[in-house]
Amino acid sequence: MKILNDILTGKDNLTFDAARVVGVLGAVAYIAFWCVQVFYQRRFDPADADAYGKGLGLVLLSMSGAVLLKKSTEPEVAMGNRGGGGN
C-alpha cells in the first residue's frame, strides 16, 4: 500500500494530488476497457496492439503533463514531517 500512497500523494506524502489520482484512474480504466474488449472479441491483432500502445501512451503523457504543470503549487515538506511514518 505504501507504493500506491507514494504514487498518489505530493512531496509531503500527506496531500493527495488530484492530477495523479485522476491519471492513475484513467490508466486503470483504459486497461480495464481494453481487457473487456479483448474478452468479447476473442482476438488481438498487431494493429490493435499499436493503437492500444499509442492510446495508453497519450493517457500517461497527459498525466505527466498535468503533474508537471501543478508542480509549483504542491505544499512544501515540513522539517519535522518527512512522510512515510519513519520519523
PDB file of N, CA and C in Angstrom:
ATOM      1  N   MET A   1       0.799  -1.193   0.000  1.00  0.00           N
ATOM      2  CA  MET A   1       0.000   0.000   0.000  1.00  0.00           C
ATOM      3  C   MET A   1       0.849   1.267   0.000  1.00  0.00           C
ATOM      4  N   LYS A   2       2.089   1.180   0.540  1.00  0.00           N
ATOM      5  CA  LYS A   2       2.937   2.356   0.608  1.00  0.00           C
ATOM      6  C   LYS A   2       3.284   2.869  -0.782  1.00  0.00           C
ATOM      7  N   ILE A   3       3.547   1.974  -1.720  1.00  0.00           N
ATOM      8  CA  ILE A   3       3.901   2.415  -3.069  1.00  0.00           C
ATOM      9  C   ILE A   3       2.728   3.150  -3.719  1.00  0.00           C
ATOM     10  N   LEU A   4       1.513   2.674  -3.485  1.00  0.00           N
ATOM     11  CA  LEU A   4       0.342   3.359  -4.019  1.00  0.00           C
ATOM     12  C   LEU A   4       0.178   4.738  -3.380  1.00  0.00           C
ATOM     13  N   ASN A   5       0.434   4.817  -2.080  1.00  0.00           N
ATOM     14  CA  ASN A   5       0.372   6.107  -1.385  1.00  0.00           C
ATOM     15  C   ASN A   5       1.438   7.057  -1.929  1.00  0.00           C
ATOM     16  N   ASP A   6       2.641   6.549  -2.195  1.00  0.00           N
ATOM     17  CA  ASP A   6       3.707   7.390  -2.740  1.00  0.00           C
ATOM     18  C   ASP A   6       3.389   7.879  -4.145  1.00  0.00           C
ATOM     19  N   ILE A   7       2.713   7.068  -4.930  1.00  0.00           N
ATOM     20  CA  ILE A   7       2.359   7.450  -6.294  1.00  0.00           C
ATOM     21  C   ILE A   7       1.289   8.539  -6.301  1.00  0.00           C
ATOM     22  N   LEU A   8       0.335   8.433  -5.400  1.00  0.00           N
ATOM     23  CA  LEU A   8      -0.829   9.324  -5.433  1.00  0.00           C
ATOM     24  C   LEU A   8      -0.670  10.609  -4.639  1.00  0.00           C
ATOM     25  N   THR A   9       0.338  10.704  -3.769  1.00  0.00           N
ATOM     26  CA  THR A   9       0.493  11.902  -2.949  1.00  0.00           C
ATOM     27  C   THR A   9       1.607  12.788  -3.489  1.00  0.00           C
ATOM     28  N   GLY A  10       1.625  14.024  -3.007  1.00  0.00           N
ATOM     29  CA  GLY A  10       2.618  15.001  -3.436  1.00  0.00           C
ATOM     30  C   GLY A  10       3.924  14.842  -2.676  1.00  0.00           C
ATOM     31  N   LYS A  11       4.694  15.931  -2.617  1.00  0.00           N
ATOM     32  CA  LYS A  11       6.010  15.911  -1.979  1.00  0.00           C
ATOM     33  C   LYS A  11       5.948  15.567  -0.499  1.00  0.00           C
ATOM     34  N   ASP A  12       4.894  15.988   0.172  1.00  0.00           N
ATOM     35  CA  ASP A  12       4.808  15.800   1.619  1.00  0.00           C
ATOM     36  C   ASP A  12       4.264  14.430   2.028  1.00  0.00           C
ATOM     37  N   ASN A  13       3.863  13.598   1.087  1.00  0.00           N
ATOM     38  CA  ASN A  13       3.292  12.269   1.333  1.00  0.00           C
ATOM     39  C   ASN A  13       2.033  12.306   2.199  1.00  0.00           C
ATOM     40  N   LEU A  14       1.389  13.437   2.279  1.00  0.00           N
ATOM     41  CA  LEU A  14       0.134  13.549   3.030  1.00  0.00           C
ATOM     42  C   LEU A  14      -1.006  14.026   2.150  1.00  0.00           C
ATOM     43  N   THR A  15      -0.719  14.907   1.213  1.00  0.00           N
ATOM     44  CA  THR A  15      -1.731  15.525   0.373  1.00  0.00           C
ATOM     45  C   THR A  15      -1.904  14.725  -0.913  1.00  0.00           C
ATOM     46  N   PHE A  16      -3.106  14.228  -1.144  1.00  0.00           N
ATOM     47  CA  PHE A  16      -3.378  13.516  -2.390  1.00  0.00           C
ATOM     48  C   PHE A  16      -3.474  14.521  -3.530  1.00  0.00           C
ATOM     49  N   ASP A  17      -2.758  14.259  -4.607  1.00  0.00           N
ATOM     50  CA  ASP A  17      -2.725  15.147  -5.763  1.00  0.00           C
ATOM     51  C   ASP A  17      -3.812  14.722  -6.739  1.00  0.00           C
ATOM     52  N   ALA A  18      -4.710  15.633  -7.053  1.00  0.00           N
ATOM     53  CA  ALA A  18      -5.846  15.315  -7.924  1.00  0.00           C
ATOM     54  C   ALA A  18      -5.390  14.881  -9.311  1.00  0.00           C
ATOM     55  N   ALA A  19      -4.357  15.500  -9.851  1.00  0.00           N
ATOM     56  CA  ALA A  19      -3.870  15.131 -11.184  1.00  0.00           C
ATOM     57  C   ALA A  19      -3.352  13.703 -11.202  1.00  0.00           C
ATOM     58  N   ARG A  20      -2.666  13.311 -10.149  1.00  0.00           N
ATOM     59  CA  ARG A  20      -2.144  11.938 -10.085  1.00  0.00           C
ATOM     60  C   ARG A  20      -3.261  10.922  -9.909  1.00  0.00           C
ATOM     61  N   VAL A  21      -4.218  11.243  -9.043  1.00  0.00           N
ATOM     62  CA  VAL A  21      -5.327  10.314  -8.800  1.00  0.00           C
ATOM     63  C   VAL A  21      -6.139  10.113 -10.078  1.00  0.00           C
ATOM     64  N   VAL A  22      -6.472  11.198 -10.759  1.00  0.00           N
ATOM     65  CA  VAL A  22      -7.250  11.096 -11.994  1.00  0.00           C
ATOM     66  C   VAL A  22      -6.447  10.384 -13.081  1.00  0.00           C
ATOM     67  N   GLY A  23      -5.149  10.658 -13.160  1.00  0.00           N
ATOM     68  CA  GLY A  23      -4.316   9.992 -14.151  1.00  0.00           C
ATOM     69  C   GLY A  23      -4.224   8.493 -13.938  1.00  0.00           C
ATOM     70  N   VAL A  24      -4.036   8.080 -12.698  1.00  0.00           N
ATOM     71  CA  VAL A  24      -3.957   6.646 -12.391  1.00  0.00           C
ATOM     72  C   VAL A  24      -5.308   5.980 -12.641  1.00  0.00           C
ATOM     73  N   LEU A  25      -6.390   6.628 -12.244  1.00  0.00           N
ATOM     74  CA  LEU A  25      -7.721   6.063 -12.506  1.00  0.00           C
ATOM     75  C   LEU A  25      -7.991   5.957 -14.009  1.00  0.00           C
ATOM     76  N   GLY A  26      -7.552   6.958 -14.771  1.00  0.00           N
ATOM     77  CA  GLY A  26      -7.724   6.916 -16.222  1.00  0.00           C
ATOM     78  C   GLY A  26      -6.942   5.776 -16.856  1.00  0.00           C
ATOM     79  N   ALA A  27      -5.713   5.569 -16.402  1.00  0.00           N
ATOM     80  CA  ALA A  27      -4.902   4.471 -16.941  1.00  0.00           C
ATOM     81  C   ALA A  27      -5.497   3.112 -16.578  1.00  0.00           C
ATOM     82  N   VAL A  28      -5.971   2.970 -15.349  1.00  0.00           N
ATOM     83  CA  VAL A  28      -6.593   1.706 -14.925  1.00  0.00           C
ATOM     84  C   VAL A  28      -7.882   1.456 -15.714  1.00  0.00           C
ATOM     85  N   ALA A  29      -8.680   2.490 -15.920  1.00  0.00           N
ATOM     86  CA  ALA A  29      -9.909   2.332 -16.701  1.00  0.00           C
ATOM     87  C   ALA A  29      -9.590   1.975 -18.147  1.00  0.00           C
ATOM     88  N   TYR A  30      -8.553   2.574 -18.713  1.00  0.00           N
ATOM     89  CA  TYR A  30      -8.146   2.268 -20.089  1.00  0.00           C
ATOM     90  C   TYR A  30      -7.777   0.797 -20.210  1.00  0.00           C
ATOM     91  N   ILE A  31      -7.000   0.296 -19.256  1.00  0.00           N
ATOM     92  CA  ILE A  31      -6.594  -1.109 -19.286  1.00  0.00           C
ATOM     93  C   ILE A  31      -7.805  -2.018 -19.066  1.00  0.00           C
ATOM     94  N   ALA A  32      -8.699  -1.650 -18.170  1.00  0.00           N
ATOM     95  CA  ALA A  32      -9.890  -2.469 -17.909  1.00  0.00           C
ATOM     96  C   ALA A  32     -10.796  -2.540 -19.139  1.00  0.00           C
ATOM     97  N   PHE A  33     -11.021  -1.412 -19.797  1.00  0.00           N
ATOM     98  CA  PHE A  33     -11.855  -1.415 -21.004  1.00  0.00           C
ATOM     99  C   PHE A  33     -11.207  -2.234 -22.117  1.00  0.00           C
ATOM    100  N   TRP A  34      -9.876  -2.173 -22.216  1.00  0.00           N
ATOM    101  CA  TRP A  34      -9.171  -2.969 -23.219  1.00  0.00           C
ATOM    102  C   TRP A  34      -9.350  -4.466 -22.920  1.00  0.00           C
ATOM    103  N   CYS A  35      -9.245  -4.856 -21.657  1.00  0.00           N
ATOM    104  CA  CYS A  35      -9.422  -6.270 -21.280  1.00  0.00           C
ATOM    105  C   CYS A  35     -10.825  -6.764 -21.624  1.00  0.00           C
ATOM    106  N   VAL A  36     -11.823  -5.948 -21.371  1.00  0.00           N
ATOM    107  CA  VAL A  36     -13.203  -6.329 -21.698  1.00  0.00           C
ATOM    108  C   VAL A  36     -13.367  -6.473 -23.205  1.00  0.00           C
ATOM    109  N   GLN A  37     -12.781  -5.556 -23.972  1.00  0.00           N
ATOM    110  CA  GLN A  37     -12.873  -5.623 -25.429  1.00  0.00           C
ATOM    111  C   GLN A  37     -12.215  -6.882 -25.963  1.00  0.00           C
ATOM    112  N   VAL A  38     -11.045  -7.219 -25.456  1.00  0.00           N
ATOM    113  CA  VAL A  38     -10.349  -8.435 -25.911  1.00  0.00           C
ATOM    114  C   VAL A  38     -11.137  -9.676 -25.501  1.00  0.00           C
ATOM    115  N   PHE A  39     -11.739  -9.662 -24.331  1.00  0.00           N
ATOM    116  CA  PHE A  39     -12.515 -10.813 -23.872  1.00  0.00           C
ATOM    117  C   PHE A  39     -13.705 -11.072 -24.797  1.00  0.00           C
ATOM    118  N   TYR A  40     -14.404 -10.017 -25.203  1.00  0.00           N
ATOM    119  CA  TYR A  40     -15.576 -10.198 -26.060  1.00  0.00           C
ATOM    120  C   TYR A  40     -15.214 -10.438 -27.521  1.00  0.00           C
ATOM    121  N   GLN A  41     -14.133  -9.866 -28.012  1.00  0.00           N
ATOM    122  CA  GLN A  41     -13.725 -10.073 -29.405  1.00  0.00           C
ATOM    123  C   GLN A  41     -13.006 -11.405 -29.603  1.00  0.00           C
ATOM    124  N   ARG A  42     -12.405 -11.931 -28.562  1.00  0.00           N
ATOM    125  CA  ARG A  42     -11.659 -13.190 -28.592  1.00  0.00           C
ATOM    126  C   ARG A  42     -10.465 -13.154 -29.540  1.00  0.00           C
ATOM    127  N   ARG A  43      -9.944 -11.968 -29.822  1.00  0.00           N
ATOM    128  CA  ARG A  43      -8.738 -11.864 -30.650  1.00  0.00           C
ATOM    129  C   ARG A  43      -8.058 -10.534 -30.363  1.00  0.00           C
ATOM    130  N   PHE A  44      -6.780 -10.497 -30.708  1.00  0.00           N
ATOM    131  CA  PHE A  44      -5.996  -9.292 -30.511  1.00  0.00           C
ATOM    132  C   PHE A  44      -4.957  -9.231 -31.627  1.00  0.00           C
ATOM    133  N   ASP A  45      -5.154  -8.324 -32.574  1.00  0.00           N
ATOM    134  CA  ASP A  45      -4.288  -8.201 -33.739  1.00  0.00           C
ATOM    135  C   ASP A  45      -3.126  -7.247 -33.454  1.00  0.00           C
ATOM    136  N   PRO A  46      -2.051  -7.325 -34.257  1.00  0.00           N
ATOM    137  CA  PRO A  46      -0.947  -6.367 -34.094  1.00  0.00           C
ATOM    138  C   PRO A  46      -1.393  -4.907 -34.263  1.00  0.00           C
ATOM    139  N   ALA A  47      -2.356  -4.661 -35.145  1.00  0.00           N
ATOM    140  CA  ALA A  47      -2.864  -3.292 -35.308  1.00  0.00           C
ATOM    141  C   ALA A  47      -3.564  -2.824 -34.037  1.00  0.00           C
ATOM    142  N   ASP A  48      -4.251  -3.751 -33.356  1.00  0.00           N
ATOM    143  CA  ASP A  48      -4.887  -3.411 -32.085  1.00  0.00           C
ATOM    144  C   ASP A  48      -3.833  -3.057 -31.029  1.00  0.00           C
ATOM    145  N   ALA A  49      -2.734  -3.799 -31.023  1.00  0.00           N
ATOM    146  CA  ALA A  49      -1.659  -3.536 -30.055  1.00  0.00           C
ATOM    147  C   ALA A  49      -1.043  -2.172 -30.305  1.00  0.00           C
ATOM    148  N   ASP A  50      -0.883  -1.800 -31.563  1.00  0.00           N
ATOM    149  CA  ASP A  50      -0.325  -0.493 -31.897  1.00  0.00           C
ATOM    150  C   ASP A  50      -1.250   0.625 -31.426  1.00  0.00           C
ATOM    151  N   ALA A  51      -2.520   0.494 -31.715  1.00  0.00           N
ATOM    152  CA  ALA A  51      -3.491   1.512 -31.293  1.00  0.00           C
ATOM    153  C   ALA A  51      -3.583   1.569 -29.767  1.00  0.00           C
ATOM    154  N   TYR A  52      -3.553   0.416 -29.121  1.00  0.00           N
ATOM    155  CA  TYR A  52      -3.611   0.361 -27.663  1.00  0.00           C
ATOM    156  C   TYR A  52      -2.393   1.062 -27.054  1.00  0.00           C
ATOM    157  N   GLY A  53      -1.217   0.780 -27.580  1.00  0.00           N
ATOM    158  CA  GLY A  53       0.001   1.392 -27.062  1.00  0.00           C
ATOM    159  C   GLY A  53       0.013   2.901 -27.230  1.00  0.00           C
ATOM    160  N   LYS A  54      -0.436   3.362 -28.394  1.00  0.00           N
ATOM    161  CA  LYS A  54      -0.487   4.812 -28.625  1.00  0.00           C
ATOM    162  C   LYS A  54      -1.488   5.482 -27.694  1.00  0.00           C
ATOM    163  N   GLY A  55      -2.636   4.867 -27.497  1.00  0.00           N
ATOM    164  CA  GLY A  55      -3.653   5.446 -26.618  1.00  0.00           C
ATOM    165  C   GLY A  55      -3.207   5.488 -25.167  1.00  0.00           C
ATOM    166  N   LEU A  56      -2.628   4.395 -24.686  1.00  0.00           N
ATOM    167  CA  LEU A  56      -2.153   4.374 -23.304  1.00  0.00           C
ATOM    168  C   LEU A  56      -1.001   5.352 -23.127  1.00  0.00           C
ATOM    169  N   GLY A  57      -0.158   5.482 -24.123  1.00  0.00           N
ATOM    170  CA  GLY A  57       0.933   6.451 -24.063  1.00  0.00           C
ATOM    171  C   GLY A  57       0.416   7.878 -23.948  1.00  0.00           C
ATOM    172  N   LEU A  58      -0.650   8.190 -24.684  1.00  0.00           N
ATOM    173  CA  LEU A  58      -1.242   9.532 -24.588  1.00  0.00           C
ATOM    174  C   LEU A  58      -1.858   9.781 -23.210  1.00  0.00           C
ATOM    175  N   VAL A  59      -2.476   8.753 -22.640  1.00  0.00           N
ATOM    176  CA  VAL A  59      -3.055   8.899 -21.303  1.00  0.00           C
ATOM    177  C   VAL A  59      -1.950   9.180 -20.292  1.00  0.00           C
ATOM    178  N   LEU A  60      -0.861   8.424 -20.354  1.00  0.00           N
ATOM    179  CA  LEU A  60       0.234   8.614 -19.407  1.00  0.00           C
ATOM    180  C   LEU A  60       0.966   9.940 -19.641  1.00  0.00           C
ATOM    181  N   LEU A  61       1.096  10.349 -20.904  1.00  0.00           N
ATOM    182  CA  LEU A  61       1.735  11.624 -21.211  1.00  0.00           C
ATOM    183  C   LEU A  61       0.909  12.796 -20.689  1.00  0.00           C
ATOM    184  N   SER A  62      -0.400  12.715 -20.828  1.00  0.00           N
ATOM    185  CA  SER A  62      -1.243  13.797 -20.311  1.00  0.00           C
ATOM    186  C   SER A  62      -1.199  13.834 -18.786  1.00  0.00           C
ATOM    187  N   MET A  63      -1.094  12.666 -18.143  1.00  0.00           N
ATOM    188  CA  MET A  63      -0.967  12.627 -16.688  1.00  0.00           C
ATOM    189  C   MET A  63       0.337  13.284 -16.254  1.00  0.00           C
ATOM    190  N   SER A  64       1.435  12.974 -16.917  1.00  0.00           N
ATOM    191  CA  SER A  64       2.712  13.570 -16.523  1.00  0.00           C
ATOM    192  C   SER A  64       2.726  15.080 -16.795  1.00  0.00           C
ATOM    193  N   GLY A  65       2.073  15.509 -17.861  1.00  0.00           N
ATOM    194  CA  GLY A  65       1.977  16.938 -18.134  1.00  0.00           C
ATOM    195  C   GLY A  65       1.177  17.669 -17.076  1.00  0.00           C
ATOM    196  N   ALA A  66       0.093  17.061 -16.623  1.00  0.00           N
ATOM    197  CA  ALA A  66      -0.725  17.684 -15.577  1.00  0.00           C
ATOM    198  C   ALA A  66       0.046  17.779 -14.265  1.00  0.00           C
ATOM    199  N   VAL A  67       0.805  16.742 -13.937  1.00  0.00           N
ATOM    200  CA  VAL A  67       1.600  16.765 -12.703  1.00  0.00           C
ATOM    201  C   VAL A  67       2.699  17.817 -12.810  1.00  0.00           C
ATOM    202  N   LEU A  68       3.312  17.946 -13.976  1.00  0.00           N
ATOM    203  CA  LEU A  68       4.364  18.942 -14.168  1.00  0.00           C
ATOM    204  C   LEU A  68       3.818  20.367 -14.063  1.00  0.00           C
ATOM    205  N   LEU A  69       2.642  20.602 -14.624  1.00  0.00           N
ATOM    206  CA  LEU A  69       2.044  21.936 -14.530  1.00  0.00           C
ATOM    207  C   LEU A  69       1.672  22.296 -13.095  1.00  0.00           C
ATOM    208  N   LYS A  70       1.316  21.293 -12.310  1.00  0.00           N
ATOM    209  CA  LYS A  70       0.872  21.525 -10.940  1.00  0.00           C
ATOM    210  C   LYS A  70       2.031  21.489  -9.935  1.00  0.00           C
ATOM    211  N   LYS A  71       3.233  21.227 -10.397  1.00  0.00           N
ATOM    212  CA  LYS A  71       4.391  21.037  -9.526  1.00  0.00           C
ATOM    213  C   LYS A  71       4.656  22.231  -8.612  1.00  0.00           C
ATOM    214  N   SER A  72       4.484  23.438  -9.118  1.00  0.00           N
ATOM    215  CA  SER A  72       4.804  24.636  -8.329  1.00  0.00           C
ATOM    216  C   SER A  72       3.786  24.910  -7.228  1.00  0.00           C
ATOM    217  N   THR A  73       2.624  24.288  -7.263  1.00  0.00           N
ATOM    218  CA  THR A  73       1.598  24.550  -6.248  1.00  0.00           C
ATOM    219  C   THR A  73       1.551  23.486  -5.152  1.00  0.00           C
ATOM    220  N   GLU A  74       2.456  22.510  -5.196  1.00  0.00           N
ATOM    221  CA  GLU A  74       2.451  21.475  -4.173  1.00  0.00           C
ATOM    222  C   GLU A  74       2.958  22.030  -2.848  1.00  0.00           C
ATOM    223  N   PRO A  75       2.391  21.547  -1.729  1.00  0.00           N
ATOM    224  CA  PRO A  75       2.859  22.010  -0.422  1.00  0.00           C
ATOM    225  C   PRO A  75       4.282  21.522  -0.155  1.00  0.00           C
ATOM    226  N   GLU A  76       5.058  22.362   0.535  1.00  0.00           N
ATOM    227  CA  GLU A  76       6.437  22.001   0.863  1.00  0.00           C
ATOM    228  C   GLU A  76       6.474  21.041   2.045  1.00  0.00           C
ATOM    229  N   VAL A  77       7.534  20.274   2.132  1.00  0.00           N
ATOM    230  CA  VAL A  77       7.710  19.315   3.213  1.00  0.00           C
ATOM    231  C   VAL A  77       8.176  20.060   4.457  1.00  0.00           C
ATOM    232  N   ALA A  78       7.485  19.851   5.570  1.00  0.00           N
ATOM    233  CA  ALA A  78       7.904  20.450   6.832  1.00  0.00           C
ATOM    234  C   ALA A  78       9.119  19.689   7.359  1.00  0.00           C
ATOM    235  N   MET A  79       9.983  20.352   8.104  1.00  0.00           N
ATOM    236  CA  MET A  79      11.213  19.711   8.591  1.00  0.00           C
ATOM    237  C   MET A  79      10.913  18.533   9.505  1.00  0.00           C
ATOM    238  N   GLY A  80       9.897  18.620  10.317  1.00  0.00           N
ATOM    239  CA  GLY A  80       9.578  17.542  11.242  1.00  0.00           C
ATOM    240  C   GLY A  80       8.802  16.421  10.600  1.00  0.00           C
ATOM    241  N   ASN A  81       8.231  16.654   9.424  1.00  0.00           N
ATOM    242  CA  ASN A  81       7.402  15.643   8.768  1.00  0.00           C
ATOM    243  C   ASN A  81       7.972  15.312   7.398  1.00  0.00           C
ATOM    244  N   ARG A  82       8.607  14.186   7.314  1.00  0.00           N
ATOM    245  CA  ARG A  82       9.171  13.754   6.046  1.00  0.00           C
ATOM    246  C   ARG A  82       8.272  12.726   5.363  1.00  0.00           C
ATOM    247  N   GLY A  83       7.155  12.421   5.965  1.00  0.00           N
ATOM    248  CA  GLY A  83       6.228  11.451   5.384  1.00  0.00           C
ATOM    249  C   GLY A  83       6.726  10.042   5.557  1.00  0.00           C
ATOM    250  N   GLY A  84       5.907   9.102   5.204  1.00  0.00           N
ATOM    251  CA  GLY A  84       6.304   7.693   5.263  1.00  0.00           C
ATOM    252  C   GLY A  84       6.274   7.086   6.643  1.00  0.00           C
ATOM    253  N   GLY A  85       6.104   7.869   7.697  1.00  0.00           N
ATOM    254  CA  GLY A  85       5.970   7.327   9.038  1.00  0.00           C
ATOM    255  C   GLY A  85       7.280   6.911   9.686  1.00  0.00           C
ATOM    256  N   GLY A  86       8.434   7.166   9.083  1.00  0.00           N
ATOM    257  CA  GLY A  86       9.702   6.731   9.653  1.00  0.00           C
ATOM    258  C   GLY A  86      10.416   7.825  10.404  1.00  0.00           C
ATOM    259  N   ASN A  87       9.743   8.576  11.246  1.00  0.00           N
ATOM    260  CA  ASN A  87      10.399   9.680  11.974  1.00  0.00           C
ATOM    261  C   ASN A  87      11.185   9.166  13.128  1.00  0.00           C
TER     262      ASN A  87
END
